Amino acid sequence: MKETPIPPMDYAKYLWQEKEIKSIANVTKADTLDFLPLAAEIGIKSTVEEFDLEQANEVLQKIKNSELKAAAVLRM
């Protein structure tokens, strides 16, 4: 089977410079339970900013403009 190159993508346009650590292949609940203590042990920390639901449009603009340095969470 011949390998084909990965086509180019405009990352700034489609990903808004967001970065996440995640896996989508063969992850089980047990894998997650094993990973969380390790993450705490080696110092992986998340940064979260909370916003009221009424601020959703404002938050989306901030995400689009790369103005947040944390994960955005909307409070109901």
Protein backbone atom coordinates (compact mmCIF):
# COMPACT_ATOMS: atom_id res chain seq x y z
CA MET A 1 0.00 0.00 0.00
CA LYS A 2 1.38 3.37 -1.02
CA GLU A 3 1.36 6.06 1.67
CA THR A 4 -0.07 9.42 0.78
CA PRO A 5 1.06 12.68 2.41
CA ILE A 6 -1.18 14.46 4.85
CA PRO A 7 -2.80 17.37 3.00
CA PRO A 8 -1.95 20.88 4.24
CA MET A 9 -4.41 22.65 6.50
CA ASP A 10 -4.80 26.26 7.59
CA TYR A 11 -4.39 25.59 11.31
CA ALA A 12 -4.99 29.21 12.38
CA LYS A 13 -8.30 29.23 10.52
CA TYR A 14 -9.61 25.85 11.66
CA LEU A 15 -8.08 25.28 15.09
CA TRP A 16 -7.82 28.81 16.53
CA GLN A 17 -4.47 27.85 18.01
CA GLU A 18 -6.16 25.70 20.67
CA LYS A 19 -4.12 22.92 22.21
CA GLU A 20 -5.46 19.85 23.97
CA ILE A 21 -4.01 16.61 25.24
CA LYS A 22 -6.31 13.76 24.39
CA SER A 23 -6.38 10.36 22.83
CA ILE A 24 -9.17 8.92 20.77
CA ALA A 25 -7.94 5.38 20.16
CA ASN A 26 -8.79 2.49 22.48
CA VAL A 27 -9.19 4.56 25.64
CA THR A 28 -11.13 2.81 28.37
CA LYS A 29 -12.42 3.97 31.72
CA ALA A 30 -9.57 1.98 33.31
CA ASP A 31 -7.04 3.88 31.15
CA THR A 32 -8.47 7.17 32.41
CA LEU A 33 -8.40 6.03 36.02
CA ASP A 34 -4.75 5.02 35.58
CA PHE A 35 -3.82 8.31 33.90
CA LEU A 36 -5.36 10.77 36.37
CA PRO A 37 -3.11 9.87 39.34
CA LEU A 38 -0.08 9.99 37.03
CA ALA A 39 -1.13 13.42 35.76
CA ALA A 40 -1.36 14.66 39.35
CA GLU A 41 2.00 13.10 40.23
CA ILE A 42 3.88 14.76 37.38
CA GLY A 43 2.13 18.09 37.81
CA ILE A 44 -0.23 18.35 34.84
CA LYS A 45 -2.71 21.06 35.76
CA SER A 46 -5.63 22.50 33.88
CA THR A 47 -6.48 26.17 33.79
CA VAL A 48 -10.17 27.05 33.63
CA GLU A 49 -12.05 30.33 33.36
CA GLU A 50 -15.74 30.32 34.29
CA PHE A 51 -18.35 32.52 32.65
CA ASP A 52 -22.09 32.99 33.04
CA LEU A 53 -24.18 31.42 30.29
CA GLU A 54 -25.30 34.89 29.22
CA GLN A 55 -21.66 35.61 28.25
CA ALA A 56 -21.53 32.74 25.72
CA ASN A 57 -21.25 34.96 22.63
CA GLU A 58 -18.54 37.06 24.26
CA VAL A 59 -16.62 33.92 25.23
CA LEU A 60 -16.84 32.53 21.69
CA GLN A 61 -15.36 35.79 20.39
CA LYS A 62 -12.55 35.57 22.95
CA ILE A 63 -11.81 32.00 21.87
CA LYS A 64 -11.85 32.99 18.20
CA ASN A 65 -9.47 35.90 18.87
CA SER A 66 -7.12 33.77 21.04
CA GLU A 67 -7.81 36.02 24.04
CA LEU A 68 -8.20 33.19 26.57
CA LYS A 69 -5.31 31.34 28.15
CA ALA A 70 -7.55 28.71 29.72
CA ALA A 71 -10.44 26.37 29.00
CA ALA A 72 -13.74 28.26 29.04
CA VAL A 73 -16.58 26.86 31.14
CA LEU A 74 -20.11 28.24 30.99
CA ARG A 75 -22.12 28.22 34.23
CA MET A 76 -25.80 27.45 33.82
